[in-house]
């Protein structure tokens, strides 16, 4: 997790190409995760009853299907714990397969690098070293959540650059160069470059090999561009694999929100985390799960391992240490529009 970009994008229309905002054709009609999710949204809304605009009701309880295999996507090390730390521990203790995929190493954070390394003008080597530090923090945090190093995947794509890959550096012939690390490819020796096609391929590889039944991703309306765009890459890859019948059409897609200008409000670890308003985050049906005291303690312990983030972001991290976690189910039309961009 990093601080949002200075210009805050609050709505989907602000962070995606114009072609996605006004698609030239209706989303293709096929059965799949989008169609299934639409049915679930309608059924859940009927069960909850109509809620007038501007009012809030208690979210429906989160239900994880039996025998779940859960893949969690984290734009940066710590996002997995902020969004889903309690749920991860619960699933791990039940013996459910859980894998976390970190899209970036979180190395493009100038203020934190300057503070940690006492360098007013960090060099590219400092950013690379900071990325390694954050990877080690992620491994330590995972132990609190019942996971091991083998349950973690680090893709090593550019922190602060995922939106550029989606918008301007999609092709393998036009890789992106990180302004921080000066790298144009991930550290893993798999031949990938910093481009949208390669990131989509690597995300698809993780989906194909792990074969999840539940995928937990950042919310597409997250104000941080790395978070929002990470969700686009996963939705794109998942849609293609389902269309090719590589993955089941019944994969459950859950989203978590981290960055928002007015949410979450401050509170104590005894105050429940309330969903954002529909005006603030539209197109979403929120569900929640209550955390047992041991699950909340493990989440707090995992966040405490991210020492590089605590001096500047400690208050934000603490706002997610509540007795519940929220997960959004996004409307099917939004998922279809994302999947149609590339």
Protein backbone atom coordinates (compact mmCIF):
# COMPACT_ATOMS: atom_id res chain seq x y z
CA UNK A 1 0.00 0.00 0.00
CA UNK A 2 1.17 3.54 -0.78
CA UNK A 3 -0.41 6.91 -0.37
CA UNK A 4 -2.86 7.78 -3.15
CA UNK A 5 -1.64 9.90 -6.03
CA UNK A 6 -2.07 13.64 -5.46
CA UNK A 7 -4.99 13.75 -7.89
CA UNK A 8 -7.62 11.55 -6.28
CA UNK A 9 -9.66 9.42 -8.67
CA UNK A 10 -12.93 8.49 -7.01
CA UNK A 11 -14.96 7.03 -9.85
CA UNK A 12 -14.39 4.38 -12.47
CA UNK A 13 -14.83 6.95 -15.26
CA UNK A 14 -11.80 8.88 -13.96
CA UNK A 15 -9.31 6.04 -14.26
CA UNK A 16 -10.20 4.14 -17.42
CA UNK A 17 -10.06 4.90 -21.13
CA UNK A 18 -13.02 6.66 -22.74
CA UNK A 19 -13.82 3.52 -24.75
CA UNK A 20 -14.64 1.75 -21.51
CA UNK A 21 -16.81 4.56 -20.23
CA UNK A 22 -19.06 4.46 -23.29
CA UNK A 23 -18.63 1.05 -24.92
CA UNK A 24 -19.69 0.87 -28.55
CA UNK A 25 -21.68 -2.28 -27.91
CA UNK A 26 -23.47 -3.91 -25.03
CA UNK A 27 -21.50 -6.41 -22.93
CA UNK A 28 -21.55 -9.80 -24.60
CA UNK A 29 -24.27 -12.05 -23.29
CA UNK A 30 -22.73 -15.25 -22.00
CA UNK A 31 -23.01 -17.21 -18.83
CA UNK A 32 -20.03 -16.73 -16.56
CA UNK A 33 -18.77 -14.98 -13.48
CA UNK A 34 -20.41 -11.69 -14.45
CA UNK A 35 -23.80 -13.25 -15.14
CA UNK A 36 -23.65 -15.34 -11.98
CA UNK A 37 -22.63 -12.31 -9.93
CA UNK A 38 -25.59 -10.37 -11.32
CA UNK A 39 -27.95 -13.08 -10.11
CA UNK A 40 -26.31 -13.08 -6.68
CA UNK A 41 -26.61 -9.30 -6.43
CA UNK A 42 -30.31 -9.32 -7.28
CA UNK A 43 -31.04 -12.15 -4.86
CA UNK A 44 -29.09 -10.52 -2.04
CA UNK A 45 -30.73 -7.16 -2.63
CA UNK A 46 -34.15 -8.77 -2.49
CA UNK A 47 -33.25 -10.51 0.76
CA UNK A 48 -32.03 -7.30 2.34
CA UNK A 49 -34.92 -5.20 1.11
CA UNK A 50 -34.79 -1.85 -0.60
CA UNK A 51 -32.66 0.75 1.16
CA UNK A 52 -33.33 4.44 0.40
CA UNK A 53 -30.43 6.41 -1.04
CA UNK A 54 -28.23 7.94 1.63
CA UNK A 55 -29.10 5.38 4.30
CA UNK A 56 -27.11 2.37 5.41
CA UNK A 57 -28.01 -1.09 6.57
CA UNK A 58 -25.96 -3.89 8.05
CA UNK A 59 -24.19 -5.77 5.22
CA UNK A 60 -25.18 -9.34 4.50
CA UNK A 61 -22.92 -12.01 6.05
CA UNK A 62 -20.10 -13.19 3.82
CA UNK A 63 -20.47 -16.82 2.77
CA UNK A 64 -17.40 -18.67 1.48
CA UNK A 65 -18.37 -21.85 -0.41
CA UNK A 66 -17.24 -25.19 1.06
CA UNK A 67 -13.98 -26.52 -0.29
CA UNK A 68 -12.86 -23.03 -1.32
CA UNK A 69 -9.49 -22.30 -2.90
CA UNK A 70 -8.80 -18.63 -2.31
CA UNK A 71 -6.50 -16.36 -4.32
CA UNK A 72 -5.83 -12.91 -2.85
CA UNK A 73 -4.41 -10.13 -5.05
CA UNK A 74 -2.39 -7.42 -3.28
CA UNK A 75 -1.11 -4.40 -5.24
CA UNK A 76 1.57 -3.85 -2.55
CA UNK A 77 2.81 -5.77 0.47
CA UNK A 78 0.39 -5.01 3.37
CA UNK A 79 -2.76 -4.69 1.25
CA UNK A 80 -3.51 -8.38 1.71
CA UNK A 81 -3.58 -7.91 5.48
CA UNK A 82 -5.48 -4.62 5.43
CA UNK A 83 -8.22 -6.02 3.21
CA UNK A 84 -8.41 -9.69 4.17
CA UNK A 85 -6.07 -10.52 7.04
CA UNK A 86 -8.70 -11.97 9.35
CA UNK A 87 -10.33 -14.03 6.61
CA UNK A 88 -6.96 -15.37 5.46
CA UNK A 89 -6.16 -16.65 8.95
CA UNK A 90 -9.59 -18.27 9.32
CA UNK A 91 -9.26 -20.08 5.98
CA UNK A 92 -5.69 -21.17 6.68
CA UNK A 93 -6.69 -22.63 10.04
CA UNK A 94 -9.46 -24.56 8.33
CA UNK A 95 -6.94 -26.04 5.93
CA UNK A 96 -8.26 -24.19 2.89
CA UNK A 97 -5.65 -23.51 0.19
CA UNK A 98 -4.82 -19.79 0.17
CA UNK A 99 -2.34 -18.02 -2.09
CA UNK A 100 -1.40 -14.34 -2.09
CA UNK A 101 -0.13 -12.67 -5.26
CA UNK A 102 1.73 -9.39 -4.74
CA UNK A 103 1.65 -7.42 -7.98
CA UNK A 104 4.41 -4.98 -6.97
CA UNK A 105 7.07 -4.99 -4.26
CA UNK A 106 5.92 -1.57 -3.02
CA UNK A 107 9.32 -0.10 -3.84
CA UNK A 108 8.17 3.21 -5.35
CA UNK A 109 7.52 5.13 -2.12
CA UNK A 110 10.02 8.04 -2.00
CA UNK A 111 9.04 9.34 1.45
CA UNK A 112 9.36 5.95 3.12
CA UNK A 113 12.63 5.16 1.34
CA UNK A 114 14.07 8.51 2.37
CA UNK A 115 13.06 7.91 5.98
CA UNK A 116 14.14 4.27 6.23
CA UNK A 117 17.50 4.75 4.52
CA UNK A 118 18.16 8.33 5.69
CA UNK A 119 18.58 9.43 2.08
CA UNK A 120 17.05 12.73 1.02
CA UNK A 121 17.58 11.82 -2.63
CA UNK A 122 17.20 8.03 -2.89
CA UNK A 123 18.94 6.23 -5.74
CA UNK A 124 17.56 3.41 -7.82
CA UNK A 125 19.50 0.92 -5.70
CA UNK A 126 17.79 2.29 -2.59
CA UNK A 127 14.38 1.65 -4.12
CA UNK A 128 15.36 -1.89 -5.06
CA UNK A 129 16.61 -2.54 -1.54
CA UNK A 130 13.39 -1.08 -0.12
CA UNK A 131 11.40 -3.49 -2.29
CA UNK A 132 13.36 -6.40 -0.83
CA UNK A 133 12.62 -5.08 2.66
CA UNK A 134 8.92 -5.00 1.95
CA UNK A 135 9.04 -8.55 0.60
CA UNK A 136 10.61 -9.71 3.85
CA UNK A 137 7.92 -7.86 5.78
CA UNK A 138 5.26 -9.64 3.72
CA UNK A 139 6.75 -13.04 4.52
CA UNK A 140 6.82 -12.19 8.23
CA UNK A 141 3.24 -10.90 8.12
CA UNK A 142 2.06 -14.06 6.36
CA UNK A 143 3.24 -16.18 9.28
CA UNK A 144 0.79 -14.35 11.56
CA UNK A 145 -1.95 -15.25 9.09
CA UNK A 146 -1.12 -18.96 9.03
CA UNK A 147 0.70 -18.94 5.68
CA UNK A 148 4.22 -19.82 4.58
CA UNK A 149 6.62 -18.44 2.00
CA UNK A 150 5.43 -21.06 -0.50
CA UNK A 151 1.95 -19.50 -0.34
CA UNK A 152 3.22 -16.14 -1.59
CA UNK A 153 3.93 -15.02 -5.15
CA UNK A 154 5.81 -11.78 -5.91
CA UNK A 155 5.36 -10.64 -9.51
CA UNK A 156 7.64 -7.60 -9.13
CA UNK A 157 5.83 -5.17 -11.44
CA UNK A 158 6.37 -1.40 -11.12
CA UNK A 159 4.99 0.24 -7.99
CA UNK A 160 3.12 3.36 -9.06
CA UNK A 161 3.10 2.27 -12.70
CA UNK A 162 0.23 -0.19 -13.13
CA UNK A 163 -2.08 2.41 -14.67
CA UNK A 164 0.58 3.23 -17.25
CA UNK A 165 0.80 -0.44 -18.19
CA UNK A 166 -2.96 -0.62 -18.67
CA UNK A 167 -3.24 2.63 -20.60
CA UNK A 168 0.00 3.37 -22.44
CA UNK A 169 2.32 0.36 -22.21
CA UNK A 170 0.06 -2.56 -23.05
CA UNK A 171 2.18 -3.97 -25.86
CA UNK A 172 5.29 -6.09 -25.30
CA UNK A 173 7.04 -3.85 -27.82
CA UNK A 174 6.60 -0.82 -25.58
CA UNK A 175 7.71 -1.67 -22.02
CA UNK A 176 7.50 0.78 -19.15
CA UNK A 177 10.51 1.88 -17.08
CA UNK A 178 10.06 2.53 -13.38
CA UNK A 179 11.11 6.09 -12.47
CA UNK A 180 12.22 4.71 -9.09
CA UNK A 181 14.13 1.48 -9.68
CA UNK A 182 15.01 2.27 -13.34
CA UNK A 183 14.00 -1.31 -14.17
CA UNK A 184 11.87 -2.27 -17.17
CA UNK A 185 11.23 -5.90 -16.26
CA UNK A 186 10.42 -7.98 -13.18
CA UNK A 187 13.32 -9.63 -11.31
CA UNK A 188 12.05 -13.19 -11.99
CA UNK A 189 13.85 -14.77 -14.99
CA UNK A 190 10.71 -15.57 -16.98
CA UNK A 191 11.25 -13.17 -19.87
CA UNK A 192 8.47 -10.75 -18.89
CA UNK A 193 8.69 -7.00 -19.41
CA UNK A 194 6.89 -4.15 -17.71
CA UNK A 195 3.90 -4.15 -20.06
CA UNK A 196 0.22 -4.91 -19.80
CA UNK A 197 0.28 -8.05 -21.88
CA UNK A 198 2.96 -9.69 -19.74
CA UNK A 199 1.28 -8.73 -16.48
CA UNK A 200 -2.01 -10.16 -17.73
CA UNK A 201 -0.22 -13.35 -18.78
CA UNK A 202 1.41 -13.78 -15.37
CA UNK A 203 -1.85 -13.14 -13.54
CA UNK A 204 -3.53 -15.66 -15.84
CA UNK A 205 -0.75 -18.14 -15.04
CA UNK A 206 -1.46 -17.85 -11.32
CA UNK A 207 -5.18 -18.26 -11.90
CA UNK A 208 -4.63 -21.25 -14.17
CA UNK A 209 -2.19 -23.06 -11.91
CA UNK A 210 -3.92 -22.39 -8.58
CA UNK A 211 -7.47 -22.79 -9.94
CA UNK A 212 -9.21 -20.68 -7.29
CA UNK A 213 -12.90 -20.86 -6.51
CA UNK A 214 -12.73 -17.47 -4.75
CA UNK A 215 -10.68 -14.48 -5.94
CA UNK A 216 -10.22 -11.47 -3.65
CA UNK A 217 -9.14 -8.31 -5.48
CA UNK A 218 -8.92 -4.56 -4.86
CA UNK A 219 -12.10 -2.61 -5.57
CA UNK A 220 -12.17 -1.06 -9.07
CA UNK A 221 -13.18 2.28 -7.52
CA UNK A 222 -10.22 2.42 -5.11
CA UNK A 223 -8.73 5.93 -5.26
CA UNK A 224 -5.19 4.55 -5.59
CA UNK A 225 -4.47 3.82 -9.24
CA UNK A 226 -2.32 0.77 -8.48
CA UNK A 227 -5.24 -0.75 -6.59
CA UNK A 228 -7.89 0.04 -9.17
CA UNK A 229 -5.74 -1.08 -12.08
CA UNK A 230 -4.62 -4.29 -10.39
CA UNK A 231 -8.29 -5.26 -10.29
CA UNK A 232 -8.59 -4.58 -14.04
CA UNK A 233 -5.76 -6.99 -14.85
CA UNK A 234 -7.29 -9.75 -12.75
CA UNK A 235 -10.77 -9.26 -14.19
CA UNK A 236 -9.34 -9.29 -17.73
CA UNK A 237 -7.37 -12.48 -17.15
CA UNK A 238 -10.21 -14.23 -15.32
CA UNK A 239 -12.71 -13.36 -18.04
CA UNK A 240 -10.44 -14.80 -20.75
CA UNK A 241 -9.84 -18.03 -18.84
CA UNK A 242 -13.53 -18.50 -18.18
CA UNK A 243 -14.43 -17.79 -21.78
CA UNK A 244 -11.92 -20.49 -22.79
CA UNK A 245 -13.43 -22.90 -20.21
CA UNK A 246 -10.10 -23.12 -18.39
CA UNK A 247 -11.69 -21.92 -15.14
CA UNK A 248 -15.16 -22.49 -13.81
CA UNK A 249 -17.82 -19.91 -14.52
CA UNK A 250 -18.73 -19.96 -10.84
CA UNK A 251 -15.62 -18.31 -9.41
CA UNK A 252 -16.69 -15.92 -6.65
CA UNK A 253 -15.11 -12.47 -7.04
CA UNK A 254 -14.84 -10.37 -3.88
CA UNK A 255 -13.34 -6.89 -3.64
CA UNK A 256 -11.82 -4.92 -0.78
CA UNK A 257 -11.43 -1.15 -0.51
CA UNK A 258 -8.38 0.55 1.04
CA UNK A 259 -8.00 4.09 -0.33
CA UNK A 260 -10.87 6.57 -0.27
CA UNK A 261 -10.88 10.29 0.59
CA UNK A 262 -13.68 10.02 3.18
CA UNK A 263 -13.56 6.37 4.27
CA UNK A 264 -12.92 4.66 6.62
CA UNK A 265 -13.62 6.99 9.49
CA UNK A 266 -11.48 6.95 12.58
CA UNK A 267 -12.50 4.57 15.36
CA UNK A 268 -11.28 2.04 17.87
CA UNK A 269 -10.76 -1.67 17.44
CA UNK A 270 -14.20 -2.14 18.99
CA UNK A 271 -16.02 -0.02 16.39
CA UNK A 272 -17.38 -1.90 13.39
CA UNK A 273 -16.17 -0.97 9.92
CA UNK A 274 -19.20 0.45 8.13
CA UNK A 275 -19.53 0.27 4.34
CA UNK A 276 -18.94 3.44 2.32
CA UNK A 277 -22.06 5.19 1.10
CA UNK A 278 -23.57 4.23 -2.23
CA UNK A 279 -22.90 7.74 -3.51
CA UNK A 280 -19.23 7.38 -2.62
CA UNK A 281 -18.71 3.82 -3.90
CA UNK A 282 -21.52 2.83 -6.27
CA UNK A 283 -22.17 -0.44 -8.14
CA UNK A 284 -21.35 -2.55 -5.09
CA UNK A 285 -23.19 -4.85 -2.71
CA UNK A 286 -21.24 -5.08 0.54
CA UNK A 287 -20.91 -8.20 2.66
CA UNK A 288 -19.06 -8.60 5.93
CA UNK A 289 -17.52 -11.20 8.17
CA UNK A 290 -17.07 -10.88 11.92
CA UNK A 291 -13.56 -11.49 13.22
CA UNK A 292 -12.93 -13.58 16.31
CA UNK A 293 -10.58 -11.95 18.86
CA UNK A 294 -7.74 -14.25 17.77
CA UNK A 295 -8.29 -13.31 14.12
CA UNK A 296 -8.21 -9.61 14.90
CA UNK A 297 -5.09 -10.07 17.03
CA UNK A 298 -3.38 -11.94 14.18
CA UNK A 299 -4.31 -9.17 11.74
CA UNK A 300 -2.86 -6.55 14.08
CA UNK A 301 0.28 -8.63 14.49
CA UNK A 302 0.66 -9.00 10.73
CA UNK A 303 0.26 -5.27 10.14
CA UNK A 304 2.85 -4.67 12.84
CA UNK A 305 5.41 -6.49 10.69
CA UNK A 306 5.16 -3.73 8.09
CA UNK A 307 7.48 -1.48 10.04
CA UNK A 308 8.49 0.46 6.93
CA UNK A 309 4.89 1.67 6.59
CA UNK A 310 3.99 2.44 10.18
CA UNK A 311 5.61 5.88 10.60
CA UNK A 312 3.59 7.43 7.77
CA UNK A 313 0.61 5.14 7.36
CA UNK A 314 0.12 3.77 10.86
CA UNK A 315 -3.14 5.65 11.38
CA UNK A 316 -4.63 4.30 8.15
CA UNK A 317 -3.58 0.74 8.97
CA UNK A 318 -5.14 0.98 12.42
CA UNK A 319 -8.46 2.07 10.91
CA UNK A 320 -8.81 -1.41 9.41
CA UNK A 321 -8.23 -3.21 12.71
CA UNK A 322 -11.92 -3.60 13.46
CA UNK A 323 -14.10 -6.54 14.58
CA UNK A 324 -15.28 -7.10 11.01
CA UNK A 325 -14.00 -7.07 7.43
CA UNK A 326 -15.93 -5.81 4.41
CA UNK A 327 -16.02 -7.39 0.96
CA UNK A 328 -17.83 -5.92 -2.02
CA UNK A 329 -19.51 -7.76 -4.85
CA UNK A 330 -19.32 -5.48 -7.88
CA UNK A 331 -22.12 -5.28 -10.43
CA UNK A 332 -21.72 -7.53 -13.44
CA UNK A 333 -21.97 -4.71 -15.97
CA UNK A 334 -18.89 -3.01 -14.52
CA UNK A 335 -16.90 -6.26 -14.69
CA UNK A 336 -17.94 -6.77 -18.32
CA UNK A 337 -16.87 -3.25 -19.26
CA UNK A 338 -13.44 -3.75 -17.71
CA UNK A 339 -12.96 -7.10 -19.46
CA UNK A 340 -13.74 -5.57 -22.85
CA UNK A 341 -11.03 -2.89 -22.82
CA UNK A 342 -8.17 -5.10 -24.08
